[in-house]
Amino acid sequence: MRVKRTTVYLCQLKDITVLFPGDIHRLAEFILDCSEADRINDITHQSNIRHSKPTLHGLAKHFAELTQVHVPNVMKKLEVRKR
């Protein structure tokens, strides 16, 4: 079963708190910056590799790896923003 993709904007993550205010937003901003830098690097080096855009689940996994908070707990906080 395919999950319907919904665009979530960075500003929608500003008010989410898992450990401290703005933690998810700050991490998402960093991941997006890294993703953009990677895309620019690929263009510069004429790479044919396509990178997918970051997802909420991917963001939750990164957050969990860094903080030892379980992914389902992070996803519960992010579910609010899917409306």
Protein backbone atom coordinates (compact mmCIF):
# COMPACT_ATOMS: atom_id res chain seq x y z
CA MET A 1 0.00 0.00 0.00
CA ARG A 2 1.43 3.34 -1.04
CA VAL A 3 1.29 6.20 1.39
CA LYS A 4 -0.03 9.46 0.01
CA ARG A 5 2.72 12.05 0.13
CA THR A 6 1.86 15.36 1.70
CA THR A 7 4.09 18.41 1.53
CA VAL A 8 5.07 19.68 4.96
CA TYR A 9 6.74 23.06 5.08
CA LEU A 10 9.59 23.84 7.44
CA CYS A 11 7.56 26.59 9.13
CA GLN A 12 4.95 23.97 10.12
CA LEU A 13 7.54 22.33 12.37
CA LYS A 14 8.38 25.46 14.39
CA ASP A 15 6.06 24.78 17.32
CA ILE A 16 6.84 21.07 17.75
CA THR A 17 8.71 20.15 20.90
CA VAL A 18 10.10 16.71 21.65
CA LEU A 19 12.93 17.49 24.08
CA PHE A 20 13.14 21.28 23.92
CA PRO A 21 11.37 24.06 22.01
CA GLY A 22 12.29 24.15 18.33
CA ASP A 23 14.35 20.96 18.38
CA ILE A 24 12.59 19.31 15.42
CA HIS A 25 12.60 22.54 13.40
CA ARG A 26 16.33 23.06 13.92
CA LEU A 27 17.17 19.51 12.88
CA ALA A 28 14.87 19.68 9.85
CA GLU A 29 16.51 22.95 8.78
CA PHE A 30 19.94 21.35 9.04
CA ILE A 31 18.86 18.28 7.06
CA LEU A 32 17.34 20.46 4.33
CA ASP A 33 20.53 22.55 4.13
CA CYS A 34 22.61 19.37 3.79
CA SER A 35 20.22 18.02 1.17
CA GLU A 36 20.49 21.24 -0.84
CA ALA A 37 24.29 21.24 -0.58
CA ASP A 38 24.34 17.64 -1.78
CA ARG A 39 22.10 18.53 -4.73
CA ILE A 40 24.36 21.45 -5.71
CA ASN A 41 27.42 19.21 -5.45
CA ASP A 42 25.78 16.67 -7.77
CA ILE A 43 25.05 19.37 -10.35
CA THR A 44 28.64 20.63 -10.13
CA HIS A 45 30.05 17.16 -10.68
CA GLN A 46 27.50 16.17 -13.37
CA SER A 47 26.22 13.25 -11.32
CA ASN A 48 23.17 11.32 -12.50
CA ILE A 49 22.20 10.31 -8.95
CA ARG A 50 18.73 11.48 -7.90
CA HIS A 51 18.13 12.14 -4.24
CA SER A 52 14.69 11.99 -2.72
CA LYS A 53 13.43 14.82 -0.60
CA PRO A 54 13.60 14.43 3.17
CA THR A 55 10.50 12.86 4.76
CA LEU A 56 8.91 13.19 8.18
CA HIS A 57 9.77 9.58 8.92
CA GLY A 58 13.37 10.24 7.92
CA LEU A 59 13.43 13.29 10.17
CA ALA A 60 12.06 11.20 13.05
CA LYS A 61 14.73 8.54 12.45
CA HIS A 62 17.53 11.12 12.48
CA PHE A 63 16.13 12.69 15.63
CA ALA A 64 15.87 9.28 17.31
CA GLU A 65 19.45 8.39 16.42
CA LEU A 66 20.75 11.63 17.89
CA THR A 67 18.65 11.70 21.06
CA GLN A 68 17.77 8.07 21.88
CA VAL A 69 14.06 8.99 21.79
CA HIS A 70 12.14 6.18 20.08
CA VAL A 71 10.96 6.85 16.53
CA PRO A 72 7.25 6.20 17.31
CA ASN A 73 7.38 8.86 20.04
CA VAL A 74 8.82 11.39 17.61
CA MET A 75 6.29 10.40 14.93
CA LYS A 76 3.43 11.04 17.38
CA LYS A 77 4.61 14.63 17.71
CA LEU A 78 4.91 14.95 13.93
CA GLU A 79 1.47 13.46 13.22
CA VAL A 80 -0.12 16.68 14.44
CA ARG A 81 1.43 18.52 11.49
CA LYS A 82 0.02 16.20 8.82
CA ARG A 83 -3.40 17.87 8.88
